[in-house]
C-alpha atoms as a PDB file:
ATOM      1  CA  UNK A   1      33.377  27.496   2.588  1.00  0.00           C
ATOM      2  CA  UNK A   2      30.779  27.703  -0.157  1.00  0.00           C
ATOM      3  CA  UNK A   3      27.046  27.382   0.508  1.00  0.00           C
ATOM      4  CA  UNK A   4      26.995  24.119  -1.468  1.00  0.00           C
ATOM      5  CA  UNK A   5      29.782  22.694   0.696  1.00  0.00           C
ATOM      6  CA  UNK A   6      28.025  23.731   3.909  1.00  0.00           C
ATOM      7  CA  UNK A   7      24.782  22.167   2.702  1.00  0.00           C
ATOM      8  CA  UNK A   8      26.604  18.910   1.929  1.00  0.00           C
ATOM      9  CA  UNK A   9      28.051  18.812   5.452  1.00  0.00           C
ATOM     10  CA  UNK A  10      24.609  19.403   6.982  1.00  0.00           C
ATOM     11  CA  UNK A  11      23.100  16.675   4.833  1.00  0.00           C
ATOM     12  CA  UNK A  12      25.853  14.255   5.789  1.00  0.00           C
ATOM     13  CA  UNK A  13      25.229  14.935   9.475  1.00  0.00           C
ATOM     14  CA  UNK A  14      21.542  14.181   9.019  1.00  0.00           C
ATOM     15  CA  UNK A  15      22.015  10.781   7.349  1.00  0.00           C
ATOM     16  CA  UNK A  16      21.689   7.865   9.804  1.00  0.00           C
ATOM     17  CA  UNK A  17      24.475   5.309   9.764  1.00  0.00           C
ATOM     18  CA  UNK A  18      23.724   2.135   7.781  1.00  0.00           C
ATOM     19  CA  UNK A  19      23.048  -1.050   9.702  1.00  0.00           C
ATOM     20  CA  UNK A  20      23.878  -3.470   6.870  1.00  0.00           C
ATOM     21  CA  UNK A  21      26.209  -3.869   3.897  1.00  0.00           C
ATOM     22  CA  UNK A  22      27.022  -0.838   1.769  1.00  0.00           C
ATOM     23  CA  UNK A  23      25.690  -0.314  -1.733  1.00  0.00           C
ATOM     24  CA  UNK A  24      28.748  -1.763  -3.488  1.00  0.00           C
ATOM     25  CA  UNK A  25      27.337  -5.197  -2.665  1.00  0.00           C
ATOM     26  CA  UNK A  26      24.191  -4.562  -4.717  1.00  0.00           C
ATOM     27  CA  UNK A  27      24.319  -5.830  -8.312  1.00  0.00           C
ATOM     28  CA  UNK A  28      22.286  -4.105 -10.988  1.00  0.00           C
ATOM     29  CA  UNK A  29      19.141  -5.717 -12.326  1.00  0.00           C
ATOM     30  CA  UNK A  30      20.379  -7.040 -15.663  1.00  0.00           C
ATOM     31  CA  UNK A  31      17.827  -7.093 -18.477  1.00  0.00           C
ATOM     32  CA  UNK A  32      18.604  -9.985 -20.792  1.00  0.00           C
ATOM     33  CA  UNK A  33      17.111 -11.431 -24.011  1.00  0.00           C
ATOM     34  CA  UNK A  34      14.167 -13.799 -23.671  1.00  0.00           C
ATOM     35  CA  UNK A  35      13.093 -12.634 -20.231  1.00  0.00           C
ATOM     36  CA  UNK A  36      10.272 -10.174 -19.572  1.00  0.00           C
ATOM     37  CA  UNK A  37       9.801 -10.082 -15.778  1.00  0.00           C
ATOM     38  CA  UNK A  38      12.311  -9.402 -13.012  1.00  0.00           C
ATOM     39  CA  UNK A  39      11.366  -9.344  -9.332  1.00  0.00           C
ATOM     40  CA  UNK A  40      13.577  -6.853  -7.492  1.00  0.00           C
ATOM     41  CA  UNK A  41      15.075  -8.902  -4.648  1.00  0.00           C
ATOM     42  CA  UNK A  42      17.794  -6.458  -3.578  1.00  0.00           C
ATOM     43  CA  UNK A  43      17.997  -2.686  -3.500  1.00  0.00           C
ATOM     44  CA  UNK A  44      19.798   0.152  -1.786  1.00  0.00           C
ATOM     45  CA  UNK A  45      17.964   1.968   0.999  1.00  0.00           C
ATOM     46  CA  UNK A  46      18.536   5.283   2.730  1.00  0.00           C
ATOM     47  CA  UNK A  47      16.488   6.401   5.731  1.00  0.00           C
ATOM     48  CA  UNK A  48      15.349  10.016   5.988  1.00  0.00           C
ATOM     49  CA  UNK A  49      13.870  10.301   9.521  1.00  0.00           C
ATOM     50  CA  UNK A  50      12.944  13.984   9.278  1.00  0.00           C
ATOM     51  CA  UNK A  51      11.562  13.809   5.750  1.00  0.00           C
ATOM     52  CA  UNK A  52      13.737  16.673   4.538  1.00  0.00           C
ATOM     53  CA  UNK A  53      15.713  15.128   1.670  1.00  0.00           C
ATOM     54  CA  UNK A  54      14.871  15.795  -1.949  1.00  0.00           C
ATOM     55  CA  UNK A  55      16.205  13.808  -4.868  1.00  0.00           C
ATOM     56  CA  UNK A  56      18.661  16.650  -5.488  1.00  0.00           C
ATOM     57  CA  UNK A  57      19.937  16.273  -1.923  1.00  0.00           C
ATOM     58  CA  UNK A  58      20.381  12.531  -2.397  1.00  0.00           C
ATOM     59  CA  UNK A  59      22.266  13.079  -5.647  1.00  0.00           C
ATOM     60  CA  UNK A  60      24.443  15.744  -3.992  1.00  0.00           C
ATOM     61  CA  UNK A  61      25.371  13.297  -1.254  1.00  0.00           C
ATOM     62  CA  UNK A  62      26.198  10.681  -3.872  1.00  0.00           C
ATOM     63  CA  UNK A  63      28.365  13.030  -5.917  1.00  0.00           C
ATOM     64  CA  UNK A  64      30.275  13.927  -2.739  1.00  0.00           C
ATOM     65  CA  UNK A  65      30.731  10.264  -1.856  1.00  0.00           C
ATOM     66  CA  UNK A  66      28.646  10.723   1.293  1.00  0.00           C
ATOM     67  CA  UNK A  67      25.341   8.947   0.558  1.00  0.00           C
ATOM     68  CA  UNK A  68      25.225   6.160   3.116  1.00  0.00           C
ATOM     69  CA  UNK A  69      23.186   3.724   1.086  1.00  0.00           C
ATOM     70  CA  UNK A  70      22.674   0.340   2.729  1.00  0.00           C
ATOM     71  CA  UNK A  71      21.885  -2.948   1.065  1.00  0.00           C
ATOM     72  CA  UNK A  72      18.529  -4.571   1.751  1.00  0.00           C
ATOM     73  CA  UNK A  73      16.650  -7.640   0.613  1.00  0.00           C
ATOM     74  CA  UNK A  74      13.711  -6.858   2.898  1.00  0.00           C
ATOM     75  CA  UNK A  75      11.135  -4.414   1.577  1.00  0.00           C
ATOM     76  CA  UNK A  76       8.780  -4.318   4.569  1.00  0.00           C
ATOM     77  CA  UNK A  77       9.976  -1.526   6.863  1.00  0.00           C
ATOM     78  CA  UNK A  78       7.047  -1.691   9.322  1.00  0.00           C
ATOM     79  CA  UNK A  79       5.299   1.338  10.778  1.00  0.00           C
ATOM     80  CA  UNK A  80       7.394   4.461  10.379  1.00  0.00           C
ATOM     81  CA  UNK A  81       6.899   8.164   9.762  1.00  0.00           C
ATOM     82  CA  UNK A  82      10.321   8.409   8.129  1.00  0.00           C
ATOM     83  CA  UNK A  83      10.862   8.604   4.396  1.00  0.00           C
ATOM     84  CA  UNK A  84      12.555   5.590   2.866  1.00  0.00           C
ATOM     85  CA  UNK A  85      14.593   6.129  -0.297  1.00  0.00           C
ATOM     86  CA  UNK A  86      15.233   3.106  -2.496  1.00  0.00           C
ATOM     87  CA  UNK A  87      17.694   2.921  -5.361  1.00  0.00           C
ATOM     88  CA  UNK A  88      17.602   0.209  -8.031  1.00  0.00           C
ATOM     89  CA  UNK A  89      20.393   0.194 -10.650  1.00  0.00           C
ATOM     90  CA  UNK A  90      19.313  -1.357 -13.960  1.00  0.00           C
ATOM     91  CA  UNK A  91      21.429  -2.339 -16.956  1.00  0.00           C
ATOM     92  CA  UNK A  92      20.343  -3.615 -20.365  1.00  0.00           C
ATOM     93  CA  UNK A  93      22.689  -6.435 -21.364  1.00  0.00           C
ATOM     94  CA  UNK A  94      21.062  -7.336 -24.635  1.00  0.00           C
ATOM     95  CA  UNK A  95      17.285  -7.201 -24.195  1.00  0.00           C
ATOM     96  CA  UNK A  96      15.600  -6.060 -27.387  1.00  0.00           C
ATOM     97  CA  UNK A  97      12.866  -4.276 -25.464  1.00  0.00           C
ATOM     98  CA  UNK A  98      13.896  -0.840 -24.183  1.00  0.00           C
ATOM     99  CA  UNK A  99      10.560   0.290 -22.667  1.00  0.00           C
ATOM    100  CA  UNK A 100       9.948  -1.169 -19.219  1.00  0.00           C
ATOM    101  CA  UNK A 101       7.687  -0.785 -16.190  1.00  0.00           C
ATOM    102  CA  UNK A 102       8.698  -0.555 -12.546  1.00  0.00           C
ATOM    103  CA  UNK A 103       5.810  -1.642 -10.313  1.00  0.00           C
ATOM    104  CA  UNK A 104       5.428  -0.774  -6.658  1.00  0.00           C
ATOM    105  CA  UNK A 105       2.872  -3.432  -5.795  1.00  0.00           C
ATOM    106  CA  UNK A 106       1.494  -2.052  -2.500  1.00  0.00           C
ATOM    107  CA  UNK A 107      -1.222   0.539  -3.218  1.00  0.00           C
ATOM    108  CA  UNK A 108      -1.547   1.774   0.397  1.00  0.00           C
ATOM    109  CA  UNK A 109       1.581   3.973   0.314  1.00  0.00           C
ATOM    110  CA  UNK A 110       0.521   7.577   0.848  1.00  0.00           C
ATOM    111  CA  UNK A 111       3.334   9.439  -0.929  1.00  0.00           C
ATOM    112  CA  UNK A 112       5.542   7.991  -3.673  1.00  0.00           C
ATOM    113  CA  UNK A 113       8.242   9.700  -5.714  1.00  0.00           C
ATOM    114  CA  UNK A 114       9.924   8.153  -8.739  1.00  0.00           C
ATOM    115  CA  UNK A 115      13.052   9.496 -10.403  1.00  0.00           C
ATOM    116  CA  UNK A 116      15.170   8.075 -13.212  1.00  0.00           C
ATOM    117  CA  UNK A 117      18.737   9.127 -13.918  1.00  0.00           C
ATOM    118  CA  UNK A 118      21.219   8.142 -16.600  1.00  0.00           C
ATOM    119  CA  UNK A 119      24.521   9.363 -15.219  1.00  0.00           C
ATOM    120  CA  UNK A 120      23.998  12.998 -14.252  1.00  0.00           C
ATOM    121  CA  UNK A 121      20.956  13.443 -16.503  1.00  0.00           C
ATOM    122  CA  UNK A 122      17.436  13.236 -15.069  1.00  0.00           C
ATOM    123  CA  UNK A 123      15.131  11.350 -17.455  1.00  0.00           C
ATOM    124  CA  UNK A 124      11.866  11.200 -15.511  1.00  0.00           C
ATOM    125  CA  UNK A 125      10.322  12.410 -12.269  1.00  0.00           C
ATOM    126  CA  UNK A 126       6.854  11.752 -10.800  1.00  0.00           C
ATOM    127  CA  UNK A 127       5.115  12.312  -7.486  1.00  0.00           C
ATOM    128  CA  UNK A 128       1.961  10.380  -6.623  1.00  0.00           C
ATOM    129  CA  UNK A 129       0.398   8.281  -3.850  1.00  0.00           C
ATOM    130  CA  UNK A 130      -2.857   7.737  -1.976  1.00  0.00           C
ATOM    131  CA  UNK A 131      -2.896  11.348  -0.784  1.00  0.00           C
ATOM    132  CA  UNK A 132      -2.824  12.756  -4.305  1.00  0.00           C
ATOM    133  CA  UNK A 133      -5.553  12.566  -6.963  1.00  0.00           C
ATOM    134  CA  UNK A 134      -5.498   9.376  -8.992  1.00  0.00           C
ATOM    135  CA  UNK A 135      -4.731  11.470 -12.077  1.00  0.00           C
ATOM    136  CA  UNK A 136      -1.250  12.145 -10.627  1.00  0.00           C
ATOM    137  CA  UNK A 137      -0.225   8.598 -11.539  1.00  0.00           C
ATOM    138  CA  UNK A 138       1.706   8.429 -14.806  1.00  0.00           C
ATOM    139  CA  UNK A 139      -0.073   5.143 -15.609  1.00  0.00           C
ATOM    140  CA  UNK A 140      -3.665   4.680 -14.457  1.00  0.00           C
ATOM    141  CA  UNK A 141      -3.500   1.471 -12.444  1.00  0.00           C
ATOM    142  CA  UNK A 142      -4.474   0.438  -8.910  1.00  0.00           C
ATOM    143  CA  UNK A 143      -0.817  -0.221  -8.048  1.00  0.00           C
ATOM    144  CA  UNK A 144       1.982   2.260  -8.740  1.00  0.00           C
ATOM    145  CA  UNK A 145       3.507   1.912 -12.222  1.00  0.00           C
ATOM    146  CA  UNK A 146       6.364   3.948 -13.657  1.00  0.00           C
ATOM    147  CA  UNK A 147       7.584   3.594 -17.219  1.00  0.00           C
ATOM    148  CA  UNK A 148      11.274   3.909 -18.029  1.00  0.00           C
ATOM    149  CA  UNK A 149      13.558   3.272 -20.990  1.00  0.00           C
ATOM    150  CA  UNK A 150      17.033   1.791 -21.034  1.00  0.00           C
ATOM    151  CA  UNK A 151      18.574   1.165 -24.470  1.00  0.00           C
ATOM    152  CA  UNK A 152      20.602  -1.955 -25.210  1.00  0.00           C
ATOM    153  CA  UNK A 153      24.037  -1.696 -23.643  1.00  0.00           C
ATOM    154  CA  UNK A 154      23.061   1.235 -21.390  1.00  0.00           C
ATOM    155  CA  UNK A 155      22.449   1.573 -17.651  1.00  0.00           C
ATOM    156  CA  UNK A 156      20.137   3.675 -15.530  1.00  0.00           C
ATOM    157  CA  UNK A 157      19.388   4.342 -11.850  1.00  0.00           C
ATOM    158  CA  UNK A 158      15.824   4.246 -10.524  1.00  0.00           C
ATOM    159  CA  UNK A 159      15.002   6.051  -7.273  1.00  0.00           C
ATOM    160  CA  UNK A 160      11.847   5.634  -5.214  1.00  0.00           C
ATOM    161  CA  UNK A 161      10.794   7.571  -2.130  1.00  0.00           C
ATOM    162  CA  UNK A 162       8.012   6.012  -0.040  1.00  0.00           C
ATOM    163  CA  UNK A 163       6.310   7.634   2.945  1.00  0.00           C
ATOM    164  CA  UNK A 164       3.148   6.640   4.780  1.00  0.00           C
ATOM    165  CA  UNK A 165       1.360   6.676   8.129  1.00  0.00           C
ATOM    166  CA  UNK A 166       0.736   2.963   7.653  1.00  0.00           C
ATOM    167  CA  UNK A 167       3.041   0.069   6.930  1.00  0.00           C
ATOM    168  CA  UNK A 168       5.989   0.946   4.696  1.00  0.00           C
ATOM    169  CA  UNK A 169       5.909  -2.004   2.298  1.00  0.00           C
ATOM    170  CA  UNK A 170       7.545  -1.647  -1.104  1.00  0.00           C
ATOM    171  CA  UNK A 171       7.515  -4.839  -3.210  1.00  0.00           C
ATOM    172  CA  UNK A 172       9.151  -3.998  -6.528  1.00  0.00           C
ATOM    173  CA  UNK A 173       9.261  -5.712  -9.894  1.00  0.00           C
ATOM    174  CA  UNK A 174      10.363  -4.810 -13.413  1.00  0.00           C
ATOM    175  CA  UNK A 175       8.621  -6.109 -16.516  1.00  0.00           C
ATOM    176  CA  UNK A 176       7.826  -5.308 -20.108  1.00  0.00           C
ATOM    177  CA  UNK A 177       4.486  -3.677 -20.840  1.00  0.00           C
ATOM    178  CA  UNK A 178       3.151  -6.781 -22.594  1.00  0.00           C
ATOM    179  CA  UNK A 179       4.174  -9.113 -19.762  1.00  0.00           C
ATOM    180  CA  UNK A 180       2.643  -6.833 -17.140  1.00  0.00           C
ATOM    181  CA  UNK A 181      -0.599  -6.514 -19.095  1.00  0.00           C
ATOM    182  CA  UNK A 182      -0.954 -10.291 -19.395  1.00  0.00           C
ATOM    183  CA  UNK A 183      -0.356 -10.768 -15.691  1.00  0.00           C
ATOM    184  CA  UNK A 184      -2.591  -7.861 -14.675  1.00  0.00           C
ATOM    185  CA  UNK A 185      -5.577  -9.129 -16.685  1.00  0.00           C
ATOM    186  CA  UNK A 186      -5.582 -12.419 -14.768  1.00  0.00           C
ATOM    187  CA  UNK A 187      -5.340 -10.723 -11.364  1.00  0.00           C
ATOM    188  CA  UNK A 188      -8.033  -8.184 -12.191  1.00  0.00           C
ATOM    189  CA  UNK A 189     -10.360 -10.928 -13.436  1.00  0.00           C
ATOM    190  CA  UNK A 190      -9.903 -12.911 -10.211  1.00  0.00           C
ATOM    191  CA  UNK A 191     -10.667  -9.830  -8.103  1.00  0.00           C
ATOM    192  CA  UNK A 192     -13.707  -9.062 -10.279  1.00  0.00           C
ATOM    193  CA  UNK A 193     -15.093 -12.588  -9.834  1.00  0.00           C
ATOM    194  CA  UNK A 194     -14.679 -12.365  -6.056  1.00  0.00           C
ATOM    195  CA  UNK A 195     -16.344  -8.944  -5.868  1.00  0.00           C
ATOM    196  CA  UNK A 196     -19.144 -10.185  -8.149  1.00  0.00           C
ATOM    197  CA  UNK A 197     -19.870 -13.111  -5.813  1.00  0.00           C
ATOM    198  CA  UNK A 198     -20.109 -10.811  -2.802  1.00  0.00           C
ATOM    199  CA  UNK A 199     -22.363  -8.362  -4.643  1.00  0.00           C
ATOM    200  CA  UNK A 200     -24.619 -11.247  -5.721  1.00  0.00           C
ATOM    201  CA  UNK A 201     -24.931 -12.260  -2.054  1.00  0.00           C
ATOM    202  CA  UNK A 202     -25.746  -8.663  -1.134  1.00  0.00           C
ATOM    203  CA  UNK A 203     -28.456  -8.463  -3.810  1.00  0.00           C
ATOM    204  CA  UNK A 204     -29.951 -11.816  -2.799  1.00  0.00           C
ATOM    205  CA  UNK A 205     -30.165 -10.804   0.855  1.00  0.00           C
ATOM    206  CA  UNK A 206     -31.631  -7.449  -0.131  1.00  0.00           C
ATOM    207  CA  UNK A 207     -34.611  -9.230  -1.717  1.00  0.00           C
ATOM    208  CA  UNK A 208     -34.912 -11.386   1.409  1.00  0.00           C
ATOM    209  CA  UNK A 209     -34.988  -8.199   3.471  1.00  0.00           C
ATOM    210  CA  UNK A 210     -37.827  -6.829   1.364  1.00  0.00           C
ATOM    211  CA  UNK A 211     -39.717 -10.108   1.688  1.00  0.00           C
ATOM    212  CA  UNK A 212     -39.300 -10.844   5.415  1.00  0.00           C
ATOM    213  CA  UNK A 213     -38.569  -7.434   6.959  1.00  0.00           C
ATOM    214  CA  UNK A 214     -35.983  -9.064   9.240  1.00  0.00           C
ATOM    215  CA  UNK A 215     -33.272  -6.707  10.484  1.00  0.00           C
ATOM    216  CA  UNK A 216     -30.724  -9.519  10.432  1.00  0.00           C
ATOM    217  CA  UNK A 217     -30.694  -9.244   6.647  1.00  0.00           C
ATOM    218  CA  UNK A 218     -30.056  -5.502   6.894  1.00  0.00           C
ATOM    219  CA  UNK A 219     -27.090  -6.033   9.218  1.00  0.00           C
ATOM    220  CA  UNK A 220     -25.675  -8.680   6.894  1.00  0.00           C
ATOM    221  CA  UNK A 221     -26.152  -6.550   3.751  1.00  0.00           C
ATOM    222  CA  UNK A 222     -24.290  -3.562   5.212  1.00  0.00           C
ATOM    223  CA  UNK A 223     -21.529  -5.817   6.556  1.00  0.00           C
ATOM    224  CA  UNK A 224     -21.009  -7.645   3.250  1.00  0.00           C
ATOM    225  CA  UNK A 225     -21.158  -4.474   1.133  1.00  0.00           C
ATOM    226  CA  UNK A 226     -18.689  -2.516   3.274  1.00  0.00           C
ATOM    227  CA  UNK A 227     -16.391  -5.545   3.571  1.00  0.00           C
ATOM    228  CA  UNK A 228     -16.346  -5.760  -0.225  1.00  0.00           C
ATOM    229  CA  UNK A 229     -15.446  -2.055  -0.416  1.00  0.00           C
ATOM    230  CA  UNK A 230     -12.762  -2.601   2.216  1.00  0.00           C
ATOM    231  CA  UNK A 231     -11.060  -5.400   0.299  1.00  0.00           C
ATOM    232  CA  UNK A 232     -11.265  -3.377  -2.902  1.00  0.00           C
ATOM    233  CA  UNK A 233      -9.722  -0.395  -1.110  1.00  0.00           C
ATOM    234  CA  UNK A 234      -6.835  -2.476   0.196  1.00  0.00           C
ATOM    235  CA  UNK A 235      -5.873  -3.488  -3.347  1.00  0.00           C
ATOM    236  CA  UNK A 236      -6.461   0.022  -4.743  1.00  0.00           C
ATOM    237  CA  UNK A 237      -9.449  -0.801  -6.942  1.00  0.00           C
ATOM    238  CA  UNK A 238     -11.896   1.621  -5.321  1.00  0.00           C
ATOM    239  CA  UNK A 239      -9.515   4.541  -5.803  1.00  0.00           C
ATOM    240  CA  UNK A 240      -9.145   3.685  -9.453  1.00  0.00           C
ATOM    241  CA  UNK A 241     -12.828   3.141 -10.269  1.00  0.00           C
ATOM    242  CA  UNK A 242     -15.063   4.674  -7.557  1.00  0.00           C
ATOM    243  CA  UNK A 243     -13.458   7.796  -6.068  1.00  0.00           C
ATOM    244  CA  UNK A 244     -10.362   8.777  -8.107  1.00  0.00           C
ATOM    245  CA  UNK A 245     -10.925  12.482  -7.438  1.00  0.00           C
ATOM    246  CA  UNK A 246     -11.453  12.198  -3.665  1.00  0.00           C
ATOM    247  CA  UNK A 247      -7.984  11.807  -2.119  1.00  0.00           C
ATOM    248  CA  UNK A 248      -9.192  13.081   1.266  1.00  0.00           C
ATOM    249  CA  UNK A 249     -11.726  10.267   1.484  1.00  0.00           C
ATOM    250  CA  UNK A 250      -9.250   7.752   0.077  1.00  0.00           C
ATOM    251  CA  UNK A 251      -6.850   8.681   2.885  1.00  0.00           C
ATOM    252  CA  UNK A 252      -9.303   7.646   5.632  1.00  0.00           C
ATOM    253  CA  UNK A 253     -11.393   5.067   3.771  1.00  0.00           C
ATOM    254  CA  UNK A 254      -9.712   1.947   5.176  1.00  0.00           C
ATOM    255  CA  UNK A 255     -10.165   2.591   8.935  1.00  0.00           C
ATOM    256  CA  UNK A 256     -13.662   3.992   8.393  1.00  0.00           C
ATOM    257  CA  UNK A 257     -14.722   1.005   6.271  1.00  0.00           C
ATOM    258  CA  UNK A 258     -13.198  -1.389   8.815  1.00  0.00           C
ATOM    259  CA  UNK A 259     -15.229   0.334  11.526  1.00  0.00           C
ATOM    260  CA  UNK A 260     -18.518   0.219   9.589  1.00  0.00           C
ATOM    261  CA  UNK A 261     -18.000  -3.354   8.411  1.00  0.00           C
ATOM    262  CA  UNK A 262     -17.153  -4.802  11.813  1.00  0.00           C
ATOM    263  CA  UNK A 263     -19.810  -2.732  13.563  1.00  0.00           C
ATOM    264  CA  UNK A 264     -22.482  -4.419  11.493  1.00  0.00           C
ATOM    265  CA  UNK A 265     -20.778  -7.793  11.836  1.00  0.00           C
ATOM    266  CA  UNK A 266     -21.072  -7.407  15.611  1.00  0.00           C
ATOM    267  CA  UNK A 267     -24.707  -6.280  15.358  1.00  0.00           C
ATOM    268  CA  UNK A 268     -25.511  -9.211  13.079  1.00  0.00           C
ATOM    269  CA  UNK A 269     -23.813 -11.684  15.434  1.00  0.00           C
ATOM    270  CA  UNK A 270     -25.626 -10.278  18.488  1.00  0.00           C
ATOM    271  CA  UNK A 271     -29.009 -10.292  16.770  1.00  0.00           C
ATOM    272  CA  UNK A 272     -28.842 -13.528  14.790  1.00  0.00           C
ATOM    273  CA  UNK A 273     -27.282 -15.649  17.556  1.00  0.00           C
ATOM    274  CA  UNK A 274     -29.137 -13.916  20.431  1.00  0.00           C
ATOM    275  CA  UNK A 275     -25.882 -13.694  22.329  1.00  0.00           C
ATOM    276  CA  UNK A 276     -27.271 -11.480  25.081  1.00  0.00           C
ATOM    277  CA  UNK A 277     -29.655 -14.287  26.070  1.00  0.00           C
ATOM    278  CA  UNK A 278     -27.524 -17.354  25.310  1.00  0.00           C
ATOM    279  CA  UNK A 279     -24.012 -16.202  26.278  1.00  0.00           C
ATOM    280  CA  UNK A 280     -24.352 -12.963  28.286  1.00  0.00           C
ATOM    281  CA  UNK A 281     -20.725 -12.983  29.466  1.00  0.00           C
ATOM    282  CA  UNK A 282     -19.296 -13.526  26.006  1.00  0.00           C
ATOM    283  CA  UNK A 283     -21.688 -10.903  24.673  1.00  0.00           C
ATOM    284  CA  UNK A 284     -19.522  -8.294  26.395  1.00  0.00           C
ATOM    285  CA  UNK A 285     -16.810  -9.128  23.855  1.00  0.00           C
ATOM    286  CA  UNK A 286     -19.158  -8.067  21.065  1.00  0.00           C
ATOM    287  CA  UNK A 287     -19.919  -4.848  22.939  1.00  0.00           C
ATOM    288  CA  UNK A 288     -16.180  -4.151  23.092  1.00  0.00           C
ATOM    289  CA  UNK A 289     -16.007  -4.901  19.378  1.00  0.00           C
ATOM    290  CA  UNK A 290     -18.743  -2.319  18.741  1.00  0.00           C
ATOM    291  CA  UNK A 291     -16.821   0.256  20.799  1.00  0.00           C
ATOM    292  CA  UNK A 292     -13.650  -0.421  18.798  1.00  0.00           C
ATOM    293  CA  UNK A 293     -15.548  -0.112  15.525  1.00  0.00           C
ATOM    294  CA  UNK A 294     -17.039   3.239  16.562  1.00  0.00           C
ATOM    295  CA  UNK A 295     -13.584   4.465  17.556  1.00  0.00           C
ATOM    296  CA  UNK A 296     -12.258   3.581  14.095  1.00  0.00           C
ATOM    297  CA  UNK A 297     -15.127   5.328  12.359  1.00  0.00           C
ATOM    298  CA  UNK A 298     -14.631   8.540  14.344  1.00  0.00           C
ATOM    299  CA  UNK A 299     -10.858   8.380  14.764  1.00  0.00           C
ATOM    300  CA  UNK A 300     -10.278   7.411  11.161  1.00  0.00           C
ATOM    301  CA  UNK A 301     -12.418  10.248   9.853  1.00  0.00           C
ATOM    302  CA  UNK A 302     -11.217  13.048  12.153  1.00  0.00           C
ATOM    303  CA  UNK A 303      -7.868  12.031  13.651  1.00  0.00           C
ATOM    304  CA  UNK A 304      -6.202   9.851  11.065  1.00  0.00           C
ATOM    305  CA  UNK A 305      -2.601   8.956  11.835  1.00  0.00           C
ATOM    306  CA  UNK A 306      -0.093   6.286  12.785  1.00  0.00           C
ATOM    307  CA  UNK A 307      -1.971   5.267  15.949  1.00  0.00           C
ATOM    308  CA  UNK A 308      -5.235   4.758  14.065  1.00  0.00           C
ATOM    309  CA  UNK A 309      -3.430   2.620  11.470  1.00  0.00           C
ATOM    310  CA  UNK A 310      -1.853   0.451  14.141  1.00  0.00           C
ATOM    311  CA  UNK A 311      -5.175   0.101  15.951  1.00  0.00           C
ATOM    312  CA  UNK A 312      -6.835  -0.873  12.653  1.00  0.00           C
ATOM    313  CA  UNK A 313      -4.359  -3.724  12.098  1.00  0.00           C
ATOM    314  CA  UNK A 314      -4.742  -4.927  15.703  1.00  0.00           C
ATOM    315  CA  UNK A 315      -8.540  -4.692  15.523  1.00  0.00           C
ATOM    316  CA  UNK A 316      -8.710  -6.749  12.314  1.00  0.00           C
ATOM    317  CA  UNK A 317      -6.571  -9.437  13.966  1.00  0.00           C
ATOM    318  CA  UNK A 318      -8.583  -9.563  17.195  1.00  0.00           C
ATOM    319  CA  UNK A 319     -12.116  -9.615  15.753  1.00  0.00           C
ATOM    320  CA  UNK A 320     -12.021 -13.292  14.598  1.00  0.00           C
ATOM    321  CA  UNK A 321     -10.809 -14.260  18.097  1.00  0.00           C
ATOM    322  CA  UNK A 322     -14.012 -12.734  19.439  1.00  0.00           C
ATOM    323  CA  UNK A 323     -16.615 -13.745  16.852  1.00  0.00           C
ATOM    324  CA  UNK A 324     -15.575 -17.348  16.151  1.00  0.00           C
ATOM    325  CA  UNK A 325     -15.586 -18.620  19.785  1.00  0.00           C
ATOM    326  CA  UNK A 326     -18.910 -16.886  20.447  1.00  0.00           C
ATOM    327  CA  UNK A 327     -20.443 -18.450  17.344  1.00  0.00           C
ATOM    328  CA  UNK A 328     -19.118 -21.891  18.282  1.00  0.00           C
ATOM    329  CA  UNK A 329     -20.460 -21.574  21.826  1.00  0.00           C
ATOM    330  CA  UNK A 330     -23.910 -20.517  20.630  1.00  0.00           C
ATOM    331  CA  UNK A 331     -23.991 -23.454  18.193  1.00  0.00           C
END
């Protein structure tokens, strides 16, 4: 038996069995005249639990008829350390435009690979993600964008590999460059207006702090500023504009910013509402909130992983259940 044949057998043994329909049920995304945007509603998925497959391995499995692709219309795979390979076949059935963009719209994915094939020929290959410098992205944008060409009457296969310690969420869409630019300008403007409002509130309270020397203003300023950074980090803006060359910080920024933001929210609530005097029993909930925030700051910075990500999501969900009832009771 040849080495190539032995490798194919080993790869086949490592592929988990599909739980849903096989790839023959997946139609290609058909690019047609007069349409510029296509949400990808179905794709083929292959799970790589050990993270050992390369695109060459996937193609070898396919050529041997052994790639157990499964059909999916759900692109949220939850928390998982496994690599998820996605395949999207695309065909141009008459569209005049032959230069297109594939967008992966969730900027929190840590490692992303993109490969384009036309038959047996590789046309493009990129590796990027939150763990790599921002300059690794083929198109500088806060989401993941990959350009590809498919001439009229031709077909191509797009492959994506996504891997992350957080939620594996891979919303995909295909559009022309002009259509994406028009849509992106509106979204970016809306985010800019929101961030501008928060920064105006921060500046206003900063002048109040200078005037009255009240620590409540300090707590509020730090909370609002870090919360603004947190929201901007979740949509990828901070990595694009503030720290594009600091992937190590970008990796841990979300849990650390959550910890700082909610620490000062708890301190502001305790100080401004005088919870220790008015509601001493409920005040213990704020103390627990402070402990959770400190854990995120330390754990996120020095022991970042799947557990910290899960705790971050749980913490964000629980905090309003603590702060809102305490505020209502004090009122």
